[in-house]
Amino acid sequence: MTRPLLIALLLLTLALILSVAIGSVTIPPVTLARMLLAQIPGLPIQPDWPDSFAAILFQLRLPHVLLIALTGAALSGSGAAYQGLFRNPLADPYLIGVASGAGLGAVLAMTIRWPYELLGMFTVPVAAFAGALLTVGLVYLLAFRGRAAPNTTLILAGVAVGAFASAVTSFLMLRSQGELHRALAWLLGGATMSGWQPVLAAFPYIAIGLGVLLTAGNALDVLQFGEEQAQQLGLPVARTKTILIVAASMATAAAVSFSGVIGFVGLIVPHLVRLLVGPGYRRLIPLSILGGASALLLADVLARTILAPQDLPVGIITALTGAPFFLWVLRRAQSSSSSSS
């Protein structure tokens, strides 16, 4: 195991501990460790902590933290894959309309008041997931020319379809005053769902999507030579692009469906990892997954404490911290291009 991977795992462990311990009710780290160890059968640990600690940890905070970690991993891992697919370090998981489609599906479910007893609290996430996948499917169909989907056409189709979905979303929000606050909270990345059900529902899709991306490091490295040369080297370019877009979009859609639209994590974290360890995707993908989980956990801690006891949508924190970094990246890219010329 390489040193960067060990460091990333250590940072994720620390972020998990910090995120679980800190909140409106702080659980001391020693007590937290004893509570977790007490779940192992046979260990002689006397439960001398308040009953409220157990309820807060196992019913509320731990599932919330795991959902946030899964979301950060999905967004960052997908962002790294999209940057490799489009050979553009400024690509992000929402490039081809995932966020716009998910937002339309979620707001549609909120505004037309589908029968909630059918799916219960999963009505909005299911609608968001369906909207995201349908949008990506439409973009891919529009982008196909012959037997391939050129990168430029994919991006342009994503921009057009995403803009249309965003316009419809805005129209629905204007027409439905009662659900406006809830829809805004969701669109700002308000991961308000609690309990273990959202974690269990999102985990299979995120795990499958990221699992596919973890095996694609070599293919993404070959794609950096250009599609024609990659084809000459024996890589089935069209099939590889389709598989990776489906995997990345599925992981992103599952994350967005339960946590809302959270920006910049999938853009900034892979770029920062690339600056630290280089452009090789066999290392970039796993380190981006771990780094994305850590970064979003730390942002969530800020969101829960900066105006405590009120919780901010975590998407506000990622935007406030990610936007300046993004501008720095653009400035750095401009300086590099001017100096090279």
Protein backbone atom coordinates (compact mmCIF):
# COMPACT_ATOMS: atom_id res chain seq x y z
CA MET A 1 0.00 0.00 0.00
CA THR A 2 1.46 3.31 -1.09
CA ARG A 3 2.07 6.21 1.26
CA PRO A 4 -0.56 8.53 -0.37
CA LEU A 5 -3.21 5.84 0.09
CA LEU A 6 -2.25 5.36 3.75
CA ILE A 7 -2.41 9.11 4.32
CA ALA A 8 -5.81 9.31 2.61
CA LEU A 9 -7.16 6.47 4.78
CA LEU A 10 -5.83 8.17 7.92
CA LEU A 11 -7.44 11.48 6.94
CA LEU A 12 -10.75 9.72 6.27
CA THR A 13 -10.60 7.99 9.66
CA LEU A 14 -9.97 11.30 11.42
CA ALA A 15 -12.76 13.00 9.45
CA LEU A 16 -15.18 10.21 10.39
CA ILE A 17 -14.30 10.46 14.09
CA LEU A 18 -14.59 14.25 14.06
CA SER A 19 -17.89 14.19 12.19
CA VAL A 20 -19.44 11.60 14.50
CA ALA A 21 -18.23 13.30 17.69
CA ILE A 22 -19.15 16.92 16.91
CA GLY A 23 -22.67 18.26 16.68
CA SER A 24 -25.36 19.96 18.74
CA VAL A 25 -24.47 17.37 21.39
CA THR A 26 -20.74 16.65 21.57
CA ILE A 27 -19.70 13.08 22.32
CA PRO A 28 -16.18 12.92 23.86
CA PRO A 29 -13.79 10.85 21.70
CA VAL A 30 -13.04 8.38 24.53
CA THR A 31 -16.76 7.82 25.12
CA LEU A 32 -17.30 7.47 21.37
CA ALA A 33 -14.60 4.80 21.13
CA ARG A 34 -16.05 2.89 24.10
CA MET A 35 -19.56 3.03 22.64
CA LEU A 36 -18.35 1.61 19.34
CA LEU A 37 -16.22 -1.08 21.00
CA ALA A 38 -19.18 -2.06 23.18
CA GLN A 39 -20.94 -3.28 20.02
CA ILE A 40 -18.35 -6.06 19.70
CA PRO A 41 -19.62 -9.16 21.55
CA GLY A 42 -17.44 -10.36 24.43
CA LEU A 43 -15.70 -7.09 25.27
CA PRO A 44 -16.19 -6.23 28.99
CA ILE A 45 -17.25 -2.58 28.56
CA GLN A 46 -19.72 -1.16 31.04
CA PRO A 47 -22.20 1.25 29.35
CA ASP A 48 -21.85 4.21 31.71
CA TRP A 49 -22.77 6.91 29.17
CA PRO A 50 -26.20 8.61 28.96
CA ASP A 51 -28.91 6.80 27.02
CA SER A 52 -29.28 9.88 24.83
CA PHE A 53 -25.71 9.38 23.56
CA ALA A 54 -26.58 5.94 22.20
CA ALA A 55 -29.71 7.24 20.45
CA ILE A 56 -27.85 10.20 18.94
CA LEU A 57 -24.91 8.09 17.77
CA PHE A 58 -26.56 4.98 16.35
CA GLN A 59 -29.91 6.32 15.17
CA LEU A 60 -29.04 9.80 13.94
CA ARG A 61 -25.40 10.81 13.63
CA LEU A 62 -23.70 7.62 12.41
CA PRO A 63 -26.10 7.00 9.47
CA HIS A 64 -25.94 10.70 8.54
CA VAL A 65 -22.14 10.65 8.56
CA LEU A 66 -21.99 7.49 6.44
CA LEU A 67 -24.43 8.98 3.91
CA ILE A 68 -22.30 12.12 3.66
CA ALA A 69 -19.13 10.03 3.23
CA LEU A 70 -20.76 7.95 0.49
CA THR A 71 -21.92 11.12 -1.24
CA GLY A 72 -18.48 12.71 -1.16
CA ALA A 73 -16.86 9.50 -2.43
CA ALA A 74 -19.39 9.18 -5.27
CA LEU A 75 -19.09 12.81 -6.39
CA SER A 76 -15.30 12.92 -6.26
CA GLY A 77 -14.74 9.50 -7.83
CA SER A 78 -17.20 10.32 -10.62
CA GLY A 79 -15.58 13.73 -11.09
CA ALA A 80 -12.18 12.13 -11.57
CA ALA A 81 -13.63 9.71 -14.11
CA TYR A 82 -15.36 12.49 -16.06
CA GLN A 83 -12.15 14.53 -16.10
CA GLY A 84 -10.36 11.54 -17.59
CA LEU A 85 -13.10 10.76 -20.09
CA PHE A 86 -13.28 14.32 -21.39
CA ARG A 87 -9.55 14.96 -20.89
CA ASN A 88 -10.45 18.15 -19.06
CA PRO A 89 -9.40 18.78 -15.43
CA LEU A 90 -12.32 21.21 -15.03
CA ALA A 91 -15.03 18.63 -15.79
CA ASP A 92 -17.33 17.65 -12.93
CA PRO A 93 -19.98 14.97 -12.17
CA TYR A 94 -22.81 17.28 -13.27
CA LEU A 95 -21.33 18.03 -16.69
CA ILE A 96 -23.91 16.10 -18.73
CA GLY A 97 -27.03 17.00 -16.80
CA VAL A 98 -27.11 14.71 -13.77
CA ALA A 99 -27.82 17.51 -11.28
CA SER A 100 -30.39 19.24 -13.48
CA GLY A 101 -32.28 16.02 -14.11
CA ALA A 102 -32.19 15.03 -10.44
CA GLY A 103 -33.39 18.48 -9.43
CA LEU A 104 -36.29 18.32 -11.88
CA GLY A 105 -37.32 14.88 -10.66
CA ALA A 106 -37.14 15.90 -7.00
CA VAL A 107 -39.02 19.17 -7.39
CA LEU A 108 -41.63 17.45 -9.57
CA ALA A 109 -42.26 14.91 -6.79
CA MET A 110 -42.54 17.71 -4.22
CA THR A 111 -44.88 19.92 -6.21
CA ILE A 112 -47.41 17.49 -7.66
CA ARG A 113 -47.75 15.62 -4.35
CA TRP A 114 -47.54 12.05 -5.57
CA PRO A 115 -49.06 9.52 -3.13
CA TYR A 116 -46.37 9.41 -0.46
CA GLU A 117 -47.76 6.25 1.11
CA LEU A 118 -46.56 4.29 -1.92
CA LEU A 119 -42.85 4.93 -1.38
CA GLY A 120 -42.89 6.83 1.89
CA MET A 121 -39.85 9.03 2.40
CA PHE A 122 -38.25 7.57 -0.75
CA THR A 123 -40.68 9.36 -3.09
CA VAL A 124 -38.37 12.35 -3.67
CA PRO A 125 -35.09 10.37 -3.91
CA VAL A 126 -36.62 7.86 -6.34
CA ALA A 127 -37.95 10.69 -8.50
CA ALA A 128 -34.55 12.42 -8.38
CA PHE A 129 -32.72 9.21 -9.30
CA ALA A 130 -35.08 8.56 -12.21
CA GLY A 131 -34.77 12.16 -13.41
CA ALA A 132 -30.97 12.04 -13.31
CA LEU A 133 -30.70 8.77 -15.24
CA LEU A 134 -33.33 9.78 -17.80
CA THR A 135 -31.51 13.06 -18.41
CA VAL A 136 -28.15 11.34 -18.92
CA GLY A 137 -29.80 8.80 -21.23
CA LEU A 138 -31.36 11.60 -23.31
CA VAL A 139 -28.05 13.44 -23.50
CA TYR A 140 -26.26 10.31 -24.65
CA LEU A 141 -28.90 9.59 -27.32
CA LEU A 142 -28.71 13.15 -28.63
CA ALA A 143 -24.90 13.04 -28.72
CA PHE A 144 -24.57 9.83 -30.72
CA ARG A 145 -23.26 10.28 -34.23
CA GLY A 146 -23.07 6.98 -36.04
CA ARG A 147 -21.52 4.53 -33.60
CA ALA A 148 -19.83 7.03 -31.28
CA ALA A 149 -20.61 10.01 -29.07
CA PRO A 150 -17.92 12.71 -29.49
CA ASN A 151 -16.89 14.50 -26.30
CA THR A 152 -17.79 17.96 -27.61
CA THR A 153 -21.26 16.82 -28.67
CA LEU A 154 -21.83 15.14 -25.31
CA ILE A 155 -20.94 18.33 -23.43
CA LEU A 156 -23.09 20.54 -25.67
CA ALA A 157 -26.04 18.16 -25.39
CA GLY A 158 -25.58 18.08 -21.61
CA VAL A 159 -25.58 21.87 -21.42
CA ALA A 160 -28.74 22.14 -23.54
CA VAL A 161 -30.71 19.42 -21.76
CA GLY A 162 -29.51 20.63 -18.35
CA ALA A 163 -30.60 24.18 -19.10
CA PHE A 164 -34.04 22.96 -20.19
CA ALA A 165 -34.43 20.83 -17.04
CA SER A 166 -33.33 23.75 -14.84
CA ALA A 167 -35.86 26.03 -16.53
CA VAL A 168 -38.69 23.56 -15.92
CA THR A 169 -37.54 23.17 -12.30
CA SER A 170 -37.65 26.94 -11.78
CA PHE A 171 -41.12 27.12 -13.31
CA LEU A 172 -42.42 24.38 -10.99
CA MET A 173 -40.93 26.11 -7.94
CA LEU A 174 -42.59 29.40 -8.89
CA ARG A 175 -45.93 27.65 -9.33
CA SER A 176 -45.78 25.83 -6.00
CA GLN A 177 -45.21 28.21 -3.11
CA GLY A 178 -45.83 25.65 -0.37
CA GLU A 179 -42.89 23.40 -1.24
CA LEU A 180 -40.50 26.23 -2.14
CA HIS A 181 -38.45 26.09 1.08
CA ARG A 182 -38.09 22.30 0.95
CA ALA A 183 -37.09 22.38 -2.72
CA LEU A 184 -34.51 25.12 -2.11
CA ALA A 185 -33.01 23.18 0.80
CA TRP A 186 -32.70 20.08 -1.39
CA LEU A 187 -31.18 22.01 -4.31
CA LEU A 188 -28.63 23.58 -1.94
CA GLY A 189 -27.41 20.19 -0.77
CA GLY A 190 -29.49 19.78 2.35
CA ALA A 191 -28.96 16.12 3.34
CA THR A 192 -31.98 16.14 5.66
CA MET A 193 -32.95 12.45 5.52
CA SER A 194 -32.14 10.56 8.70
CA GLY A 195 -31.83 6.93 9.75
CA TRP A 196 -30.26 3.91 8.11
CA GLN A 197 -32.72 3.48 5.23
CA PRO A 198 -31.18 6.17 2.96
CA VAL A 199 -27.71 4.71 3.54
CA LEU A 200 -28.86 1.20 2.65
CA ALA A 201 -30.79 2.45 -0.37
CA ALA A 202 -27.94 4.51 -1.84
CA PHE A 203 -25.07 2.14 -1.01
CA PRO A 204 -25.60 -0.54 -3.74
CA TYR A 205 -25.69 1.98 -6.60
CA ILE A 206 -22.72 3.98 -5.30
CA ALA A 207 -20.72 0.81 -4.58
CA ILE A 208 -21.36 -0.65 -8.04
CA GLY A 209 -20.60 2.64 -9.80
CA LEU A 210 -17.39 3.30 -7.89
CA GLY A 211 -16.38 -0.35 -8.18
CA VAL A 212 -16.48 -0.07 -11.98
CA LEU A 213 -14.51 3.18 -11.89
CA LEU A 214 -11.83 1.64 -9.66
CA THR A 215 -11.14 -0.97 -12.35
CA ALA A 216 -10.91 1.65 -15.11
CA GLY A 217 -7.60 3.30 -14.22
CA ASN A 218 -5.67 1.74 -17.10
CA ALA A 219 -8.41 2.54 -19.62
CA LEU A 220 -8.54 6.19 -18.52
CA ASP A 221 -4.74 6.45 -18.75
CA VAL A 222 -4.86 5.13 -22.34
CA LEU A 223 -7.66 7.57 -23.23
CA GLN A 224 -5.35 10.48 -22.35
CA PHE A 225 -3.47 9.79 -25.61
CA GLY A 226 -6.62 10.61 -27.59
CA GLU A 227 -9.44 8.39 -28.80
CA GLU A 228 -7.85 7.48 -32.14
CA GLN A 229 -4.57 6.37 -30.59
CA ALA A 230 -6.41 4.58 -27.77
CA GLN A 231 -8.35 2.64 -30.42
CA GLN A 232 -5.09 1.74 -32.17
CA LEU A 233 -3.69 0.51 -28.84
CA GLY A 234 -6.57 -1.96 -28.58
CA LEU A 235 -8.97 -0.11 -26.29
CA PRO A 236 -12.65 -0.38 -27.33
CA VAL A 237 -13.22 3.35 -26.94
CA ALA A 238 -16.97 3.58 -27.56
CA ARG A 239 -17.81 0.71 -25.21
CA THR A 240 -15.39 1.96 -22.54
CA LYS A 241 -16.85 5.48 -22.62
CA THR A 242 -20.40 4.14 -22.38
CA ILE A 243 -19.59 1.90 -19.40
CA LEU A 244 -17.75 4.65 -17.53
CA ILE A 245 -20.42 7.28 -18.18
CA VAL A 246 -23.14 4.90 -16.97
CA ALA A 247 -21.14 3.96 -13.85
CA ALA A 248 -20.19 7.54 -12.96
CA SER A 249 -23.70 8.83 -13.63
CA MET A 250 -25.32 6.07 -11.57
CA ALA A 251 -23.07 6.78 -8.57
CA THR A 252 -23.67 10.53 -8.88
CA ALA A 253 -27.42 10.12 -9.31
CA ALA A 254 -27.69 7.92 -6.21
CA ALA A 255 -25.68 10.40 -4.15
CA VAL A 256 -27.63 13.43 -5.35
CA SER A 257 -30.97 11.67 -4.85
CA PHE A 258 -30.49 11.33 -1.10
CA SER A 259 -28.18 14.27 -0.29
CA GLY A 260 -29.28 17.00 -2.70
CA VAL A 261 -27.18 18.91 -5.20
CA ILE A 262 -23.70 19.48 -3.72
CA GLY A 263 -21.29 21.37 -5.93
CA PHE A 264 -17.50 21.64 -6.29
CA VAL A 265 -16.56 18.40 -4.44
CA GLY A 266 -16.37 16.42 -7.69
CA LEU A 267 -14.42 19.21 -9.36
CA ILE A 268 -11.99 20.40 -6.71
CA VAL A 269 -10.96 17.18 -4.93
CA PRO A 270 -9.78 15.26 -8.06
CA HIS A 271 -7.93 18.36 -9.24
CA LEU A 272 -6.21 18.76 -5.88
CA VAL A 273 -5.30 15.04 -5.81
CA ARG A 274 -3.87 15.39 -9.32
CA LEU A 275 -1.66 18.26 -8.18
CA LEU A 276 -0.36 16.16 -5.26
CA VAL A 277 0.20 12.71 -6.81
CA GLY A 278 0.22 13.25 -10.56
CA PRO A 279 -2.19 12.42 -13.40
CA GLY A 280 -2.13 8.60 -13.30
CA TYR A 281 -5.72 7.38 -12.96
CA ARG A 282 -4.83 4.11 -11.24
CA ARG A 283 -3.96 6.24 -8.20
CA LEU A 284 -6.15 9.24 -8.94
CA ILE A 285 -9.49 7.38 -8.81
CA PRO A 286 -9.07 5.67 -5.39
CA LEU A 287 -7.43 8.73 -3.81
CA SER A 288 -10.22 10.96 -5.14
CA ILE A 289 -12.84 8.63 -3.66
CA LEU A 290 -11.20 8.74 -0.23
CA GLY A 291 -10.44 12.46 -0.46
CA GLY A 292 -13.97 13.31 -1.52
CA ALA A 293 -15.43 11.47 1.46
CA SER A 294 -13.06 13.28 3.84
CA ALA A 295 -13.65 16.70 2.31
CA LEU A 296 -17.45 16.45 2.42
CA LEU A 297 -17.37 15.15 6.00
CA LEU A 298 -15.35 18.18 7.11
CA ALA A 299 -17.69 20.50 5.19
CA ASP A 300 -20.64 18.84 6.91
CA VAL A 301 -19.06 19.43 10.33
CA LEU A 302 -18.82 23.14 9.47
CA ALA A 303 -22.40 23.16 8.22
CA ARG A 304 -23.64 21.66 11.50
CA THR A 305 -21.61 23.88 13.83
CA ILE A 306 -21.07 27.29 12.24
CA LEU A 307 -24.62 28.47 13.11
CA ALA A 308 -25.45 25.82 15.74
CA PRO A 309 -28.04 24.74 16.66
CA GLN A 310 -29.23 25.56 13.13
CA ASP A 311 -27.86 23.32 10.35
CA LEU A 312 -26.79 24.88 7.07
CA PRO A 313 -27.11 22.92 3.80
CA VAL A 314 -23.69 21.43 3.21
CA GLY A 315 -23.83 22.61 -0.40
CA ILE A 316 -23.49 26.20 0.82
CA ILE A 317 -20.22 25.33 2.59
CA THR A 318 -18.78 23.52 -0.44
CA ALA A 319 -19.70 26.45 -2.68
CA LEU A 320 -18.20 29.07 -0.34
CA THR A 321 -14.94 27.13 -0.06
CA GLY A 322 -14.86 25.60 -3.54
CA ALA A 323 -15.54 28.71 -5.61
CA PRO A 324 -12.36 30.58 -4.50
CA PHE A 325 -10.30 27.43 -5.11
CA PHE A 326 -11.85 27.07 -8.56
CA LEU A 327 -10.94 30.67 -9.38
CA TRP A 328 -7.38 30.00 -8.18
CA VAL A 329 -7.22 26.95 -10.47
CA LEU A 330 -8.35 29.05 -13.43
CA ARG A 331 -5.81 31.75 -12.58
CA ARG A 332 -3.06 29.16 -12.27
CA ALA A 333 -4.00 27.61 -15.62
CA GLN A 334 -3.94 31.03 -17.30
CA SER A 335 -0.52 31.80 -15.80
CA SER A 336 0.86 28.44 -16.99
CA SER A 337 -0.43 28.90 -20.51
CA SER A 338 0.90 32.46 -20.77
CA SER A 339 4.35 31.50 -19.45
CA SER A 340 4.60 28.53 -21.82
CA SER A 341 3.75 30.73 -24.80
